[in-house]
């Protein structure tokens, strides 16, 4: 197993929030990993969150912790008692104990993760109990970023696409990789490495 320097939840405590160009590079790496898992291994990760994304001094981003990854059957996965971290769960994963869900549930989790990294605070941070949290996930409008909050239009739209309430309305991994936010912002790992090294200096 390779030794990576830091997980993103710990790095967030140093950075306070991540620039969009860094988030685009992180997102591209995570999407490529998720696409590989689905297409080559027929597996869904099921626990996307900042602590499961790693970065090293070369700017390399990797996805980790496959402890609750599940094998897919026709791109669907029957719900089990193994849920992942509640705060990042998609609505379809908490709506019913016997529901089925597919890989687009990980797209939702990615969207929540990106908002947390962009703003420095989880979008459901104010929830006092798991019940309140789950109620908001199921019943409230999805979290959003807007240009009025000083986020770019492409990034705001990308988040909105990830956080559609109905799974069928969310893009798949390939469609997200073709999104203008990803295509317009991703660079080589050198930019990520420079940013990371500056933070850790």
Foldseek 3Di string as FASTA:
>chain_A
DDDFDAFQVVLCVLVLADDLLLLLQQLLQVLVVQVCCCPPVQKAQQADARRQWTAHLLLDIDGDDSPPIDHDDVQKDWADPDHYDLLQFALQNLVDRGGMDGNLRVLSSSLQRNVCRHNVHGPPNPDPDSVSSSCCNNPPQWDFDDCVNVDDPQVRVLSVLSRDNDSVSHDHSVVSCVRCSNVVRHDDSNVSSVVSVVSVD
